C-alpha atoms as a PDB file:
ATOM      1  CA  MET A   1       8.609  55.151 -13.430  1.00  0.00           C
ATOM      2  CA  ARG A   2       8.151  58.646 -12.067  1.00  0.00           C
ATOM      3  CA  GLU A   3       4.656  60.050 -11.963  1.00  0.00           C
ATOM      4  CA  GLY A   4       3.935  62.402 -14.848  1.00  0.00           C
ATOM      5  CA  THR A   5       6.514  60.902 -17.217  1.00  0.00           C
ATOM      6  CA  ILE A   6       5.567  59.442 -20.569  1.00  0.00           C
ATOM      7  CA  ASP A   7       5.799  55.697 -21.051  1.00  0.00           C
ATOM      8  CA  GLN A   8       7.324  55.577 -24.539  1.00  0.00           C
ATOM      9  CA  ALA A   9       6.762  51.843 -24.957  1.00  0.00           C
ATOM     10  CA  ALA A  10       3.049  51.964 -24.103  1.00  0.00           C
ATOM     11  CA  GLY A  11       2.066  52.393 -27.740  1.00  0.00           C
ATOM     12  CA  LEU A  12       4.168  49.413 -28.770  1.00  0.00           C
ATOM     13  CA  ARG A  13       2.606  47.240 -26.077  1.00  0.00           C
ATOM     14  CA  ARG A  14      -0.890  48.221 -27.297  1.00  0.00           C
ATOM     15  CA  LEU A  15       0.058  47.287 -30.852  1.00  0.00           C
ATOM     16  CA  GLY A  16       0.813  43.759 -29.715  1.00  0.00           C
ATOM     17  CA  THR A  17      -2.733  43.300 -28.395  1.00  0.00           C
ATOM     18  CA  GLN A  18      -4.508  44.403 -31.572  1.00  0.00           C
ATOM     19  CA  GLN A  19      -5.567  42.145 -34.414  1.00  0.00           C
ATOM     20  CA  PRO A  20      -3.064  41.967 -37.258  1.00  0.00           C
ATOM     21  CA  VAL A  21      -3.837  43.902 -40.421  1.00  0.00           C
ATOM     22  CA  ASN A  22      -3.567  42.188 -43.785  1.00  0.00           C
ATOM     23  CA  VAL A  23      -2.799  44.337 -46.811  1.00  0.00           C
ATOM     24  CA  ILE A  24      -3.523  43.136 -50.331  1.00  0.00           C
ATOM     25  CA  ALA A  25      -2.173  45.310 -53.140  1.00  0.00           C
ATOM     26  CA  ILE A  26      -3.489  44.993 -56.676  1.00  0.00           C
ATOM     27  CA  THR A  27      -0.910  46.453 -59.056  1.00  0.00           C
ATOM     28  CA  GLY A  28       0.016  46.419 -62.699  1.00  0.00           C
ATOM     29  CA  GLY A  29       2.054  48.444 -65.128  1.00  0.00           C
ATOM     30  CA  LYS A  30      -0.601  48.827 -67.794  1.00  0.00           C
ATOM     31  CA  GLY A  31      -3.935  50.582 -67.696  1.00  0.00           C
ATOM     32  CA  GLY A  32      -7.238  48.980 -68.596  1.00  0.00           C
ATOM     33  CA  VAL A  33      -6.445  45.432 -67.504  1.00  0.00           C
ATOM     34  CA  GLY A  34      -9.026  45.196 -64.709  1.00  0.00           C
ATOM     35  CA  LYS A  35      -7.113  46.064 -61.550  1.00  0.00           C
ATOM     36  CA  THR A  36      -9.995  48.119 -60.173  1.00  0.00           C
ATOM     37  CA  VAL A  37     -12.544  45.417 -61.005  1.00  0.00           C
ATOM     38  CA  VAL A  38     -10.426  42.808 -59.205  1.00  0.00           C
ATOM     39  CA  ALA A  39      -9.921  45.094 -56.183  1.00  0.00           C
ATOM     40  CA  VAL A  40     -13.623  45.978 -55.881  1.00  0.00           C
ATOM     41  CA  ASN A  41     -14.762  42.360 -56.231  1.00  0.00           C
ATOM     42  CA  LEU A  42     -12.127  41.098 -53.788  1.00  0.00           C
ATOM     43  CA  GLY A  43     -13.161  43.737 -51.245  1.00  0.00           C
ATOM     44  CA  ALA A  44     -16.833  42.857 -51.715  1.00  0.00           C
ATOM     45  CA  ALA A  45     -16.124  39.133 -51.312  1.00  0.00           C
ATOM     46  CA  LEU A  46     -14.135  39.713 -48.107  1.00  0.00           C
ATOM     47  CA  ALA A  47     -16.851  41.999 -46.726  1.00  0.00           C
ATOM     48  CA  ALA A  48     -19.477  39.347 -47.538  1.00  0.00           C
ATOM     49  CA  GLN A  49     -17.486  36.969 -45.333  1.00  0.00           C
ATOM     50  CA  GLY A  50     -17.760  39.456 -42.468  1.00  0.00           C
ATOM     51  CA  ARG A  51     -14.226  40.806 -42.771  1.00  0.00           C
ATOM     52  CA  SER A  52     -13.523  44.494 -42.209  1.00  0.00           C
ATOM     53  CA  THR A  53     -12.291  45.967 -45.453  1.00  0.00           C
ATOM     54  CA  MET A  54     -11.002  49.271 -46.747  1.00  0.00           C
ATOM     55  CA  LEU A  55     -10.455  49.961 -50.417  1.00  0.00           C
ATOM     56  CA  LEU A  56      -8.095  52.735 -51.456  1.00  0.00           C
ATOM     57  CA  ASP A  57      -7.767  53.578 -55.143  1.00  0.00           C
ATOM     58  CA  ALA A  58      -4.356  55.245 -55.254  1.00  0.00           C
ATOM     59  CA  ASP A  59      -4.616  56.164 -58.945  1.00  0.00           C
ATOM     60  CA  LEU A  60      -5.023  59.855 -58.251  1.00  0.00           C
ATOM     61  CA  GLY A  61      -5.510  60.773 -61.891  1.00  0.00           C
ATOM     62  CA  LEU A  62      -7.967  58.129 -63.055  1.00  0.00           C
ATOM     63  CA  ALA A  63      -9.409  56.635 -59.874  1.00  0.00           C
ATOM     64  CA  ASN A  64     -12.776  55.077 -60.676  1.00  0.00           C
ATOM     65  CA  VAL A  65     -13.725  52.913 -57.708  1.00  0.00           C
ATOM     66  CA  ASP A  66     -16.515  55.409 -57.085  1.00  0.00           C
ATOM     67  CA  VAL A  67     -17.953  54.553 -60.514  1.00  0.00           C
ATOM     68  CA  LEU A  68     -17.910  50.794 -59.924  1.00  0.00           C
ATOM     69  CA  LEU A  69     -19.475  51.188 -56.472  1.00  0.00           C
ATOM     70  CA  ASN A  70     -22.052  53.676 -57.810  1.00  0.00           C
ATOM     71  CA  LEU A  71     -20.844  56.439 -55.510  1.00  0.00           C
ATOM     72  CA  GLY A  72     -20.918  60.024 -56.613  1.00  0.00           C
ATOM     73  CA  ARG A  73     -17.522  61.703 -56.922  1.00  0.00           C
ATOM     74  CA  LEU A  74     -18.416  64.104 -54.112  1.00  0.00           C
ATOM     75  CA  CYS A  75     -19.478  61.192 -51.915  1.00  0.00           C
ATOM     76  CA  PHE A  76     -16.139  59.488 -52.541  1.00  0.00           C
ATOM     77  CA  LEU A  77     -14.180  62.629 -51.751  1.00  0.00           C
ATOM     78  CA  PHE A  78     -16.236  63.150 -48.587  1.00  0.00           C
ATOM     79  CA  LEU A  79     -15.565  59.590 -47.445  1.00  0.00           C
ATOM     80  CA  PHE A  80     -11.850  59.968 -48.166  1.00  0.00           C
ATOM     81  CA  ARG A  81     -11.678  63.218 -46.177  1.00  0.00           C
ATOM     82  CA  LEU A  82     -13.617  61.545 -43.352  1.00  0.00           C
ATOM     83  CA  PHE A  83     -11.099  58.688 -43.387  1.00  0.00           C
ATOM     84  CA  LEU A  84      -8.220  61.181 -43.139  1.00  0.00           C
ATOM     85  CA  LEU A  85      -9.904  62.991 -40.247  1.00  0.00           C
ATOM     86  CA  LEU A  86     -10.504  59.722 -38.380  1.00  0.00           C
ATOM     87  CA  TRP A  87      -6.926  58.615 -39.056  1.00  0.00           C
ATOM     88  CA  ASP A  88      -5.628  61.913 -37.655  1.00  0.00           C
ATOM     89  CA  TRP A  89      -7.964  61.675 -34.644  1.00  0.00           C
ATOM     90  CA  HIS A  90      -6.872  58.109 -33.937  1.00  0.00           C
ATOM     91  CA  GLY A  91      -3.216  59.118 -34.169  1.00  0.00           C
ATOM     92  CA  SER A  92      -3.670  62.083 -31.845  1.00  0.00           C
ATOM     93  CA  ASN A  93      -5.396  59.846 -29.284  1.00  0.00           C
ATOM     94  CA  GLU A  94      -2.515  57.376 -29.507  1.00  0.00           C
ATOM     95  CA  ARG A  95      -0.045  60.186 -28.825  1.00  0.00           C
ATOM     96  CA  GLY A  96      -2.027  61.396 -25.861  1.00  0.00           C
END
């Protein structure tokens, strides 16, 4: 490869050396059946086992994970914005 050129496959090779990510989605068509309670307790149980966890409540209208975890709404929004900033930073470092 010529010096100064971009190795387009470098990112793919790095992906192969990272730990796999498991995604668990808790879904349902009806409100009020306990999806958030299940998600919070599952995340807490996995974290208690030493697993890295991230919980995203995608119900943009009625998200209440912050209530169950006793976080203030502003704290939750701050953490979400911080996550987005870190995600963007990580992506920009991957791109060079």
